[in-house]
Protein backbone atom coordinates (compact mmCIF):
# COMPACT_ATOMS: atom_id res chain seq x y z
CA MET A 1 -11.44 -47.80 23.97
CA GLN A 2 -14.00 -47.72 21.13
CA ILE A 3 -12.95 -50.14 18.35
CA LEU A 4 -14.60 -50.82 15.00
CA VAL A 5 -13.74 -54.13 13.28
CA VAL A 6 -14.41 -54.05 9.52
CA ASP A 7 -14.17 -57.46 7.85
CA ASP A 8 -16.52 -59.39 5.55
CA ASP A 9 -15.37 -62.78 6.96
CA SER A 10 -17.33 -63.74 10.09
CA ILE A 11 -14.63 -66.16 11.29
CA ASP A 12 -11.94 -63.48 11.03
CA ARG A 13 -14.17 -61.03 12.88
CA GLU A 14 -14.71 -63.56 15.66
CA MET A 15 -10.97 -64.25 15.96
CA LEU A 16 -10.27 -60.53 16.21
CA ARG A 17 -12.98 -60.10 18.82
CA ILE A 18 -11.54 -62.96 20.92
CA SER A 19 -7.99 -61.55 20.66
CA LEU A 20 -9.23 -58.08 21.57
CA ASP A 21 -11.24 -59.35 24.53
CA GLU A 22 -8.21 -61.22 25.84
CA ALA A 23 -5.92 -58.25 25.33
CA GLY A 24 -8.25 -55.70 26.77
CA LYS A 25 -9.79 -57.91 29.45
CA GLY A 26 -13.18 -56.39 28.81
CA GLY A 27 -11.88 -52.82 28.44
CA TYR A 28 -12.61 -52.62 24.70
CA ASP A 29 -16.02 -51.65 23.34
CA ILE A 30 -16.15 -53.44 19.97
CA SER A 31 -18.45 -52.78 17.01
CA GLU A 32 -18.50 -54.69 13.73
CA ALA A 33 -19.10 -53.89 10.06
CA THR A 34 -19.10 -56.28 7.09
CA SER A 35 -18.57 -53.76 4.25
CA VAL A 36 -17.13 -50.35 3.47
CA GLU A 37 -20.67 -48.90 3.18
CA SER A 38 -21.82 -50.21 6.57
CA ALA A 39 -18.53 -49.08 8.14
CA LEU A 40 -19.01 -45.53 6.81
CA ALA A 41 -22.55 -45.50 8.18
CA LEU A 42 -21.30 -46.47 11.66
CA ILE A 43 -18.45 -43.93 11.53
CA GLU A 44 -20.96 -41.21 10.68
CA GLN A 45 -22.97 -42.06 13.79
CA GLN A 46 -20.25 -42.82 16.34
CA ARG A 47 -16.66 -41.86 17.11
CA PHE A 48 -14.10 -44.70 17.29
CA ASP A 49 -10.59 -44.63 18.74
CA VAL A 50 -9.25 -47.32 16.40
CA ILE A 51 -10.56 -49.03 13.27
CA VAL A 52 -9.26 -52.54 12.54
CA LEU A 53 -9.81 -52.86 8.80
CA ASP A 54 -9.41 -55.81 6.42
CA TYR A 55 -7.57 -54.99 3.18
CA ARG A 56 -9.70 -57.37 1.05
CA MET A 57 -13.36 -56.29 1.07
CA PRO A 58 -16.21 -56.93 -1.40
CA GLY A 59 -17.12 -53.98 -3.63
CA ALA A 60 -14.86 -51.19 -2.33
CA ASP A 61 -11.70 -52.49 -0.65
CA GLY A 62 -10.15 -51.35 2.63
CA ILE A 63 -7.76 -48.88 0.97
CA GLU A 64 -10.74 -47.00 -0.48
CA LEU A 65 -12.28 -46.74 2.99
CA VAL A 66 -9.02 -45.31 4.38
CA ILE A 67 -8.88 -42.71 1.61
CA GLU A 68 -12.55 -41.84 2.15
CA ILE A 69 -12.05 -41.39 5.89
CA ARG A 70 -8.89 -39.29 5.54
CA SER A 71 -10.51 -37.03 2.94
CA LYS A 72 -13.22 -35.95 5.37
CA PRO A 73 -12.00 -34.06 8.46
CA ARG A 74 -15.06 -34.97 10.49
CA LEU A 75 -14.40 -38.68 9.83
CA GLY A 76 -10.63 -38.51 10.04
CA GLY A 77 -10.04 -38.43 13.82
CA THR A 78 -9.43 -42.17 14.14
CA ALA A 79 -6.33 -44.41 14.10
CA ILE A 80 -6.46 -47.26 11.56
CA VAL A 81 -4.84 -50.71 11.72
CA MET A 82 -5.00 -52.64 8.45
CA THR A 83 -5.11 -56.45 8.37
CA SER A 84 -4.72 -58.96 5.52
CA GLY A 85 -4.33 -62.65 4.90
CA GLU A 86 -1.29 -61.80 2.80
CA ASP A 87 2.05 -61.05 4.44
CA ASP A 88 3.48 -58.66 1.84
CA ASP A 89 5.77 -55.71 2.58
CA SER A 90 4.62 -53.77 -0.48
CA LEU A 91 0.99 -54.23 0.60
CA ALA A 92 1.81 -53.01 4.09
CA LEU A 93 3.54 -49.93 2.60
CA GLU A 94 0.54 -49.22 0.37
CA CYS A 95 -1.75 -49.24 3.41
CA ILE A 96 0.51 -46.88 5.39
CA GLU A 97 0.80 -44.48 2.44
CA ALA A 98 -3.01 -44.44 2.10
CA GLY A 99 -3.33 -43.19 5.69
CA ALA A 100 -3.26 -46.23 8.00
CA GLN A 101 -1.06 -46.14 11.09
CA ASP A 102 -0.12 -49.83 11.19
CA PHE A 103 -0.41 -53.12 9.27
CA ILE A 104 -0.57 -56.64 10.69
CA SER A 105 -0.88 -59.97 8.88
CA LYS A 106 -3.79 -62.13 10.03
CA GLU A 107 -1.38 -65.02 10.42
CA ASP A 108 0.61 -63.01 12.96
CA ILE A 109 -2.37 -61.84 15.02
CA THR A 110 -1.95 -62.74 18.68
CA ARG A 111 -3.24 -61.09 21.79
CA GLY A 112 0.09 -59.36 22.46
CA LYS A 113 0.77 -58.29 18.88
CA LEU A 114 -2.74 -56.96 18.39
CA GLU A 115 -2.67 -55.01 21.65
CA LYS A 116 0.72 -53.54 20.70
CA ALA A 117 -0.54 -52.65 17.21
CA LEU A 118 -3.53 -50.82 18.70
CA LEU A 119 -1.42 -48.81 21.12
CA HIS A 120 1.20 -48.01 18.49
CA ALA A 121 -1.47 -46.97 15.99
CA GLN A 122 -3.07 -44.63 18.52
CA LYS A 123 0.25 -43.05 19.47
CA ARG A 124 1.33 -42.67 15.84
CA PHE A 125 -2.00 -41.11 15.01
CA GLU A 126 -1.65 -38.60 17.88
CA ILE A 127 1.84 -37.65 16.65
CA GLU A 128 0.60 -37.34 13.07
CA GLN A 129 -2.25 -35.13 14.23
CA ARG A 130 0.11 -32.85 16.15
CA MET A 131 2.44 -32.65 13.16
CA HIS A 132 -0.47 -31.91 10.85
CA GLN A 133 -1.71 -29.20 13.20
CA SER A 134 1.77 -27.66 13.29
CA TYR A 135 1.87 -27.82 9.50
CA LEU A 136 -1.49 -26.04 9.28
CA GLN A 137 -0.29 -23.34 11.66
CA VAL A 138 2.92 -22.81 9.69
CA LYS A 139 0.92 -22.86 6.46
CA GLU A 140 -1.44 -20.21 7.82
CA LEU A 141 1.49 -18.05 8.91
CA ALA A 142 3.01 -18.43 5.44
CA GLU A 143 -0.24 -17.67 3.60
CA LYS A 144 -2.25 -15.37 5.86
CA ASP A 145 -1.81 -11.76 6.89
CA PRO A 146 -1.80 -11.77 10.71
CA LEU A 147 -3.57 -8.41 11.10
CA THR A 148 -6.51 -8.84 8.72
CA GLY A 149 -6.70 -12.62 8.28
CA LEU A 150 -6.64 -12.18 4.49
CA SER A 151 -4.35 -14.08 2.14
CA ASN A 152 -0.90 -12.52 1.91
CA ARG A 153 0.91 -11.63 -1.30
CA TYR A 154 2.60 -15.04 -1.69
CA HIS A 155 -0.64 -17.00 -1.32
CA PHE A 156 -2.52 -14.56 -3.55
CA GLU A 157 0.04 -14.83 -6.34
CA GLU A 158 -0.13 -18.63 -6.16
CA SER A 159 -3.94 -18.72 -6.11
CA ILE A 160 -4.33 -16.29 -9.01
CA LYS A 161 -2.31 -18.67 -11.20
CA VAL A 162 -4.91 -21.35 -10.50
CA VAL A 163 -7.80 -18.96 -11.16
CA ILE A 164 -6.30 -17.87 -14.50
CA ALA A 165 -5.68 -21.50 -15.55
CA ASN A 166 -9.25 -22.52 -14.67
CA ASN A 167 -10.76 -19.60 -16.56
CA GLN A 168 -8.56 -20.20 -19.60
CA ARG A 169 -10.04 -23.69 -19.92
CA THR A 170 -13.56 -22.24 -19.98
CA GLY A 171 -12.64 -19.23 -22.13
CA ALA A 172 -13.77 -16.74 -19.45
CA SER A 173 -11.93 -13.57 -18.39
CA VAL A 174 -10.38 -12.81 -14.99
CA ALA A 175 -10.29 -9.30 -13.53
CA LEU A 176 -7.75 -8.13 -10.99
CA LEU A 177 -8.44 -5.08 -8.83
CA ALA A 178 -5.50 -3.37 -7.12
CA LEU A 179 -6.62 -1.22 -4.17
CA ASP A 180 -4.68 1.34 -2.16
CA LEU A 181 -5.94 3.47 0.73
CA ASP A 182 -5.58 7.20 0.09
CA ASP A 183 -3.38 9.23 2.47
CA PHE A 184 -3.06 6.26 4.83
CA LYS A 185 0.46 7.34 5.78
CA ASP A 186 -0.98 10.58 7.17
CA ILE A 187 -3.19 8.54 9.52
CA ASN A 188 -0.18 6.55 10.76
CA ASP A 189 1.92 9.70 11.14
CA THR A 190 -0.80 11.70 12.90
CA LEU A 191 -2.61 9.13 15.06
CA GLY A 192 -0.06 6.32 15.29
CA HIS A 193 0.20 2.78 13.94
CA SER A 194 -2.42 1.41 16.33
CA ALA A 195 -4.99 3.75 14.78
CA GLY A 196 -3.72 2.77 11.35
CA ASP A 197 -4.31 -0.90 12.15
CA GLN A 198 -7.88 -0.11 13.18
CA VAL A 199 -8.48 1.63 9.87
CA LEU A 200 -7.01 -1.32 7.96
CA LYS A 201 -9.26 -3.84 9.71
CA GLU A 202 -12.34 -1.69 9.19
CA ALA A 203 -11.38 -1.16 5.53
CA VAL A 204 -11.16 -4.94 5.07
CA ARG A 205 -14.58 -5.37 6.66
CA ARG A 206 -16.11 -2.78 4.31
CA VAL A 207 -14.56 -4.28 1.20
CA SER A 208 -15.54 -7.82 2.23
CA MET A 209 -19.17 -6.71 2.46
CA CYS A 210 -19.00 -5.77 -1.23
CA LEU A 211 -17.71 -9.17 -2.42
CA ARG A 212 -19.11 -12.62 -3.02
CA ASN A 213 -17.63 -15.59 -1.18
CA ASN A 214 -15.84 -16.92 -4.27
CA GLU A 215 -13.92 -13.70 -4.98
CA GLY A 216 -10.27 -13.71 -3.85
CA PHE A 217 -9.27 -10.89 -1.48
CA ALA A 218 -5.72 -10.40 -0.22
CA ARG A 219 -3.50 -7.88 1.54
CA ILE A 220 -0.37 -7.60 -0.56
CA GLY A 221 1.34 -4.69 1.21
CA GLY A 222 0.97 -2.13 4.01
CA ASP A 223 -2.25 -0.49 2.78
CA GLU A 224 -2.39 -2.30 -0.57
CA PHE A 225 -4.98 -4.97 -1.37
CA ALA A 226 -5.94 -7.08 -4.37
CA ILE A 227 -9.15 -8.78 -5.49
CA THR A 228 -9.73 -11.39 -8.20
CA LEU A 229 -13.05 -11.57 -10.03
CA SER A 230 -13.43 -14.73 -12.14
CA ASN A 231 -15.80 -15.64 -14.98
CA ILE A 232 -16.08 -12.02 -16.12
CA SER A 233 -18.41 -11.62 -19.08
CA SER A 234 -18.63 -7.81 -19.13
CA ILE A 235 -16.56 -4.85 -17.94
CA SER A 236 -19.72 -3.46 -16.34
CA VAL A 237 -19.46 -6.21 -13.70
CA ILE A 238 -16.02 -4.89 -12.69
CA THR A 239 -17.29 -1.30 -12.64
CA ILE A 240 -20.21 -2.23 -10.39
CA VAL A 241 -17.97 -4.02 -7.86
CA ALA A 242 -15.31 -1.28 -7.90
CA ASN A 243 -17.86 1.54 -7.44
CA ARG A 244 -19.57 -0.43 -4.66
CA ILE A 245 -16.22 -0.63 -2.84
CA LYS A 246 -15.47 3.07 -3.43
CA LYS A 247 -18.90 4.02 -2.07
CA ALA A 248 -18.22 1.98 1.08
CA PHE A 249 -15.43 4.45 1.94
CA ASN A 250 -17.68 7.53 1.81
CA ALA A 251 -18.48 7.20 5.50
CA PRO A 252 -15.73 8.35 7.90
CA PHE A 253 -13.78 5.91 10.06
CA MET A 254 -14.13 6.28 13.83
CA VAL A 255 -10.69 5.90 15.41
CA GLU A 256 -10.16 6.52 19.12
CA GLY A 257 -13.19 8.77 19.22
CA ARG A 258 -12.12 10.80 16.16
CA GLU A 259 -13.56 10.88 12.66
CA VAL A 260 -10.98 10.00 10.01
CA ARG A 261 -11.58 10.28 6.27
CA CYS A 262 -9.90 7.73 4.04
CA GLY A 263 -10.69 7.14 0.38
CA ILE A 264 -9.56 4.28 -1.84
CA SER A 265 -7.95 4.25 -5.28
CA ILE A 266 -8.72 1.24 -7.49
CA GLY A 267 -6.96 0.00 -10.60
CA ALA A 268 -8.44 -2.77 -12.77
CA ALA A 269 -6.84 -5.08 -15.35
CA LEU A 270 -8.22 -8.00 -17.36
CA CYS A 271 -6.78 -11.37 -18.31
CA PRO A 272 -6.24 -12.13 -21.17
CA ALA A 273 -7.04 -8.67 -22.61
CA ASP A 274 -4.26 -6.82 -20.71
CA ALA A 275 -2.00 -9.71 -19.66
CA ASN A 276 -2.23 -13.48 -19.87
CA GLU A 277 -0.28 -14.44 -16.74
CA SER A 278 -0.39 -13.52 -13.05
CA GLN A 279 2.68 -11.26 -12.76
CA GLY A 280 1.74 -9.27 -15.85
CA LEU A 281 -1.83 -8.89 -14.61
CA LEU A 282 -0.65 -7.65 -11.20
CA LYS A 283 1.64 -5.14 -12.89
CA CYS A 284 -1.14 -3.81 -15.14
CA ALA A 285 -3.56 -3.44 -12.22
CA ASP A 286 -0.87 -1.62 -10.19
CA ILE A 287 -0.24 0.80 -13.04
CA ALA A 288 -3.99 1.49 -13.36
CA MET A 289 -4.23 2.05 -9.59
CA TYR A 290 -1.28 4.43 -9.73
CA ARG A 291 -3.09 6.30 -12.48
CA ALA A 292 -6.19 6.53 -10.27
CA LYS A 293 -4.00 8.20 -7.61
CA GLN A 294 -2.70 10.68 -10.16
CA LYS A 295 -6.22 11.59 -11.26
CA GLY A 296 -7.02 12.87 -7.79
CA LYS A 297 -7.38 9.74 -5.63
CA ASN A 298 -10.58 7.96 -4.64
CA GLN A 299 -10.98 6.98 -8.29
CA VAL A 300 -11.50 3.81 -10.33
CA CYS A 301 -9.20 3.45 -13.34
CA PHE A 302 -8.90 0.69 -15.95
CA TYR A 303 -5.53 -0.23 -17.41
CA GLU A 304 -4.66 1.24 -20.80
CA LEU A 305 -1.55 0.53 -22.83
CA HIS A 306 -0.25 4.12 -22.82
CA TYR A 307 -0.21 4.01 -19.00
CA GLN A 308 2.63 1.50 -19.32
CA GLU A 309 4.71 3.99 -21.27
CA GLU A 310 3.99 6.71 -18.73
CA PHE A 311 4.79 4.36 -15.86
CA ASN A 312 8.08 3.35 -17.50
CA ARG A 313 9.00 7.01 -17.98
CA ARG A 314 8.32 7.75 -14.33
CA PHE A 315 10.36 4.70 -13.33
CA ASP A 316 13.26 5.90 -15.49
CA ILE A 317 13.08 9.38 -13.95
CA GLN A 318 13.11 7.98 -10.42
CA ASN A 319 16.13 5.79 -11.16
CA ALA A 320 17.91 8.70 -12.85
CA MET A 321 17.26 10.89 -9.81
CA ARG A 322 18.81 8.33 -7.50
CA ASN A 323 21.82 8.07 -9.76
CA ILE A 324 22.27 11.87 -9.98
CA MET A 325 21.97 12.29 -6.22
CA GLU A 326 24.55 9.56 -5.66
CA HIS A 327 27.10 10.42 -8.34
CA ALA A 328 26.44 13.99 -9.53
CA SER A 329 24.32 16.98 -8.61
CA PHE A 330 21.20 18.82 -9.68
CA ARG A 331 21.35 22.50 -10.65
CA LEU A 332 19.93 25.50 -8.82
CA VAL A 333 19.02 28.63 -10.71
CA TYR A 334 17.88 31.83 -9.03
CA GLN A 335 15.19 34.31 -10.01
CA ALA A 336 15.51 37.79 -8.54
CA ILE A 337 12.64 39.39 -6.60
CA PHE A 338 12.36 43.18 -6.83
CA SER A 339 10.81 46.00 -4.85
CA THR A 340 8.02 47.51 -6.95
CA GLU A 341 8.75 50.92 -5.40
CA THR A 342 12.55 51.12 -5.91
CA ARG A 343 13.02 48.30 -8.48
CA ALA A 344 15.97 47.13 -6.42
CA ILE A 345 16.75 43.45 -5.87
CA ILE A 346 15.64 42.40 -2.40
CA GLY A 347 15.93 38.64 -2.71
CA PHE A 348 15.96 35.51 -4.83
CA GLU A 349 13.89 32.39 -5.30
CA ALA A 350 15.88 29.17 -5.68
CA LEU A 351 14.57 26.93 -8.48
CA ILE A 352 15.80 23.41 -9.12
CA ARG A 353 16.70 22.22 -12.61
CA TRP A 354 17.64 18.83 -14.05
CA PRO A 355 21.39 18.64 -14.83
CA ALA A 356 22.00 19.27 -18.54
CA ALA A 357 24.27 16.24 -18.89
CA HIS A 358 21.54 13.80 -17.76
CA GLY A 359 18.57 14.58 -20.04
CA ALA A 360 15.93 17.26 -19.91
CA TYR A 361 13.09 16.74 -17.43
CA THR A 362 11.11 19.68 -16.08
CA PRO A 363 10.51 20.30 -12.35
CA ASP A 364 6.78 19.79 -12.94
CA GLU A 365 7.64 16.28 -14.05
CA PHE A 366 10.33 15.14 -11.63
CA ILE A 367 9.34 16.94 -8.38
CA PRO A 368 6.04 14.97 -7.96
CA ILE A 369 8.00 11.75 -8.52
CA ALA A 370 10.54 12.85 -5.91
CA GLU A 371 7.70 13.49 -3.45
CA GLU A 372 5.99 10.15 -4.07
CA SER A 373 9.26 8.23 -3.73
CA ARG A 374 10.33 10.42 -0.76
CA LEU A 375 13.57 11.23 -2.57
CA ILE A 376 12.46 14.82 -1.94
CA LEU A 377 13.79 14.51 1.63
CA ASP A 378 17.42 14.20 0.54
CA LEU A 379 16.95 16.40 -2.51
CA GLY A 380 15.25 19.06 -0.40
CA ARG A 381 18.12 19.13 2.08
CA TRP A 382 20.58 19.66 -0.76
CA ILE A 383 18.44 22.55 -2.09
CA ILE A 384 18.17 24.17 1.36
CA LYS A 385 21.91 23.94 2.02
CA THR A 386 22.97 25.09 -1.46
CA ALA A 387 20.51 28.00 -1.64
CA ILE A 388 21.24 29.35 1.87
CA GLU A 389 25.02 29.14 1.37
CA GLN A 390 24.70 30.91 -2.00
CA VAL A 391 22.66 33.87 -0.72
CA ALA A 392 24.93 34.15 2.32
CA HIS A 393 27.86 34.49 -0.08
CA TRP A 394 26.08 37.23 -2.09
CA LYS A 395 25.18 39.11 1.09
CA ARG A 396 28.81 39.16 2.19
CA GLU A 397 30.23 39.82 -1.28
CA HIS A 398 27.92 42.67 -2.25
CA LYS A 399 27.02 44.03 1.21
CA LYS A 400 23.29 43.81 0.45
CA GLU A 401 20.26 42.82 2.46
CA LEU A 402 18.95 39.78 0.55
CA SER A 403 16.49 37.04 1.30
CA ILE A 404 16.32 33.56 -0.20
CA SER A 405 12.99 31.84 -0.98
CA ILE A 406 13.02 28.04 -0.97
CA ASN A 407 10.10 25.84 -1.99
CA ILE A 408 9.19 23.24 0.64
CA SER A 409 6.90 20.28 -0.10
CA PRO A 410 4.33 18.74 2.28
CA VAL A 411 6.52 15.63 2.47
CA GLN A 412 9.41 17.69 3.80
CA LEU A 413 7.17 19.46 6.30
CA SER A 414 6.18 16.05 7.68
CA ASP A 415 9.85 15.24 8.32
CA PRO A 416 10.49 15.61 12.08
CA GLU A 417 14.13 16.61 11.43
CA LEU A 418 13.38 19.41 8.94
CA VAL A 419 13.27 22.28 11.44
CA SER A 420 16.54 21.40 13.17
CA TYR A 421 18.23 20.93 9.80
CA ILE A 422 17.24 24.38 8.48
CA VAL A 423 18.30 26.00 11.76
CA LYS A 424 21.69 24.26 11.57
CA VAL A 425 22.31 25.27 7.93
CA ALA A 426 21.32 28.91 8.54
CA ASP A 427 23.53 29.05 11.63
CA LEU A 428 26.58 27.62 9.82
CA ALA A 429 26.05 30.03 6.92
CA LYS A 430 25.82 32.93 9.41
CA ILE A 431 22.57 34.18 7.93
CA SER A 432 19.59 35.54 9.84
CA ASN A 433 16.61 33.20 10.05
CA ARG A 434 14.45 36.11 8.86
CA ASP A 435 16.30 36.10 5.54
CA VAL A 436 15.17 32.54 4.82
CA ILE A 437 11.67 32.38 3.30
CA LEU A 438 10.05 28.98 3.00
CA GLU A 439 7.45 28.81 0.25
CA ILE A 440 4.54 26.39 0.54
CA THR A 441 1.50 25.77 -1.66
CA GLU A 442 -2.05 25.39 -0.42
CA THR A 443 -1.92 21.64 -1.03
CA ALA A 444 0.29 21.42 2.08
CA LEU A 445 -2.41 23.17 4.12
CA ILE A 446 -5.35 21.27 2.66
CA LYS A 447 -3.90 18.01 4.06
CA ASP A 448 -4.69 19.27 7.58
CA ASN A 449 -1.74 17.29 8.87
CA GLU A 450 -0.76 17.94 12.48
CA LYS A 451 2.96 17.45 11.75
CA ILE A 452 2.84 20.03 8.95
CA SER A 453 1.12 22.53 11.24
CA GLN A 454 3.69 21.92 13.98
CA SER A 455 6.60 22.36 11.56
CA LEU A 456 5.24 25.64 10.20
CA LYS A 457 4.64 27.01 13.70
CA ALA A 458 8.11 25.96 14.89
CA LEU A 459 9.78 27.59 11.87
CA SER A 460 7.76 30.78 12.32
CA ASP A 461 8.58 30.93 16.04
CA LEU A 462 12.29 30.68 15.15
CA GLY A 463 12.03 33.72 12.89
CA PHE A 464 11.85 32.05 9.47
CA ARG A 465 9.24 33.57 7.22
CA ILE A 466 6.51 31.49 5.54
CA ALA A 467 5.25 32.39 2.08
CA LEU A 468 2.03 31.05 0.55
CA ASP A 469 2.78 30.43 -3.13
CA ASP A 470 0.41 30.49 -6.15
CA PHE A 471 -2.37 32.26 -4.24
CA GLY A 472 -5.43 32.71 -6.44
CA MET A 473 -4.77 29.68 -8.63
CA GLY A 474 -7.52 27.07 -8.39
CA TYR A 475 -8.49 26.36 -4.78
CA SER A 476 -7.81 29.26 -2.41
CA SER A 477 -9.08 29.61 1.11
CA VAL A 478 -8.78 32.82 3.09
CA SER A 479 -9.08 30.72 6.26
CA HIS A 480 -5.56 29.43 5.63
CA LEU A 481 -4.29 32.97 5.98
CA LEU A 482 -5.92 33.18 9.40
CA HIS A 483 -5.03 29.80 10.83
CA PHE A 484 -1.44 29.28 9.68
CA PRO A 485 1.68 31.38 10.43
CA ILE A 486 1.94 32.99 6.97
CA HIS A 487 3.89 36.21 6.42
CA ILE A 488 4.08 36.55 2.66
CA VAL A 489 1.47 35.87 -0.04
CA LYS A 490 2.58 35.34 -3.63
CA LEU A 491 -0.14 36.12 -6.18
CA ASP A 492 -0.24 33.56 -8.97
CA LYS A 493 0.83 34.74 -12.43
CA SER A 494 -2.65 33.95 -13.79
CA LEU A 495 -3.88 37.10 -11.98
CA GLN A 496 -1.69 39.37 -14.09
CA LEU A 497 -3.54 41.60 -16.55
CA ALA A 498 -3.13 40.89 -20.23
CA ASP A 499 -4.28 44.36 -21.35
CA ALA A 500 -5.29 47.66 -19.77
CA ASN A 501 -6.09 48.13 -16.09
CA GLU A 502 -9.80 47.63 -16.36
CA GLY A 503 -12.46 44.93 -16.15
CA LYS A 504 -13.18 42.19 -13.66
CA GLN A 505 -9.62 40.86 -13.53
CA TYR A 506 -8.31 44.25 -12.52
CA GLY A 507 -11.00 44.42 -9.86
CA LEU A 508 -10.00 40.99 -8.60
CA LEU A 509 -6.31 41.90 -8.45
CA LYS A 510 -7.11 45.18 -6.72
CA GLY A 511 -9.46 43.52 -4.22
CA LEU A 512 -6.96 40.81 -3.32
CA SER A 513 -4.07 43.25 -2.90
CA LEU A 514 -6.16 45.55 -0.67
CA MET A 515 -7.39 42.64 1.44
CA LEU A 516 -3.90 41.20 1.90
CA ALA A 517 -2.40 44.62 2.69
CA SER A 518 -5.09 45.24 5.32
CA MET A 519 -4.14 41.91 6.92
CA ASP A 520 -0.46 43.01 7.07
CA PHE A 521 0.82 40.44 4.59
CA THR A 522 3.77 41.20 2.36
CA VAL A 523 2.46 40.70 -1.19
CA VAL A 524 4.53 39.45 -4.13
CA ALA A 525 3.23 39.53 -7.71
CA GLU A 526 4.47 36.61 -9.82
CA GLY A 527 4.66 36.44 -13.60
CA VAL A 528 5.33 40.13 -14.28
CA GLU A 529 6.26 40.20 -17.98
CA THR A 530 5.35 43.71 -19.20
CA GLU A 531 6.03 47.24 -18.06
CA ALA A 532 2.28 47.85 -17.80
CA GLN A 533 1.91 44.93 -15.38
CA LEU A 534 4.76 46.27 -13.24
CA GLN A 535 3.17 49.72 -13.16
CA THR A 536 -0.15 48.16 -12.14
CA CYS A 537 1.58 46.40 -9.26
CA ALA A 538 3.11 49.69 -8.12
CA LYS A 539 -0.24 51.46 -8.48
CA LEU A 540 -1.94 48.81 -6.28
CA ASN A 541 0.87 49.05 -3.69
CA ILE A 542 1.89 45.42 -4.21
CA ASP A 543 5.19 45.19 -2.35
CA ARG A 544 7.31 43.00 -4.58
CA ALA A 545 7.43 41.74 -8.16
CA GLN A 546 8.94 38.71 -9.81
CA GLY A 547 8.93 37.84 -13.50
CA TYR A 548 10.70 37.72 -16.86
CA LEU A 549 10.44 41.51 -17.35
CA LEU A 550 12.78 42.01 -14.41
CA ALA A 551 14.91 38.89 -14.42
CA LYS A 552 14.73 35.33 -15.67
CA PRO A 553 15.87 32.37 -13.59
CA SER A 554 19.68 32.43 -14.00
CA GLU A 555 22.79 30.51 -13.09
CA PRO A 556 24.74 31.91 -10.09
CA THR A 557 27.49 33.21 -12.40
CA ASP A 558 24.95 35.26 -14.38
CA ILE A 559 23.41 36.69 -11.20
CA GLU A 560 26.61 38.70 -10.67
CA LYS A 561 25.64 40.88 -13.66
CA LEU A 562 22.43 41.91 -11.88
CA PHE A 563 24.43 43.34 -8.99
């Protein structure tokens, strides 16, 4: 056993050496030091099993040496027995609290007591070390994310309080970046959670390469991360870091031999400019990040006060939707679709409306919120069931061949139970699958999601018809018409002519209608509001027309008048 005796009194050192030699019978290797400084020098050079340390030392006393040793992990792997000429319980307690494992009065030192003190000190130190190691492991589990090794939300929120306090003392600003991977759920849904974990770890590696060592980086949710930047003197510093991170996501991720694209949306907030405490700062950065998502994803957005109002409005709408779905009901209105040749009603499109008794939000406002919150899954099922049962009733009541068009969102198409649900509803309503038309927009196809493709194919194979809505508005790809099971194309209302049938717009409308007819698509013209527009549709052999000239969206009771 390697023992270091630290005592400035030569007689006391000799007595200890004699006692140790008798106790150990030559098995102890003893070194001596006469001061705290010389003891530290020896400890730096050599590892000792036990240090026998005098409480009273010239210059720095023994307690200071204990504190110094315990503060440095590389010096702290040694058991310590404190000695003193005073036999005082409070002194003994002070030594133990400082980090010693045992205390023995010099008056009580005998061969047996000293040997026992050494063994007890070693054993206590081993137990303390094991307990400390367990504490560190529990602490790491409590503070670290197991997948990425980053700080978790709890540890991040605690550390940001310290960062804010430190910067407040110096008068500097703190920036918080909230990061969220774009369309990460699609990766999990398409390739599985193992692939998703690979993307997360690679994303962390890329972001880490853009940061300095003193910048806090944490995973605070599934695919949500946060970064603190301290001592900010200019917003340009934040912009540079955020754009560097965004650029790091330009390259595709390689997952199981496949290229996967994944952007990142970043929201930034400043303390004290936007908030002066941690929770407020996190909230502001989250709102800015949410705004970056709304602006088209893969964006950097700084917090602005009016975002808070918009965020609150969206929050209110989401809560109101939950309440309506639980305690009341939305409204469905129906807009008739006519044959351009006979001007007879051949079907209806179901359109959802906010219930009059609960405010006045438009579908353009609440449907995106329903999709983001996934409330669209329950809401969509209610729409499907209500619309199919309604048209089935009209078919029986009026002995007419009618179809019902129902708008389906990409979120619904990713639901593995959607197909079986629609089949069940149509079967119970005793309506032909062919009479149910499911309208999708090109945004559903742009996602290139395997589940969406599978759902569309399954629905088509079962006889349901698929309509591509808003064709010609913004981004339109003819390839979608070739690669997806589409039966009906609805021309966006922006293609309707404002004046006479001449000019480029007429040529565009004519070209599109001829192309779609040659590909055997049923074509529906939306937004028909004048007689001239209806006549143009008939002239161009567009199959069906829908618009305010023919019928406005109406309550079911008013539809009876159309029949």
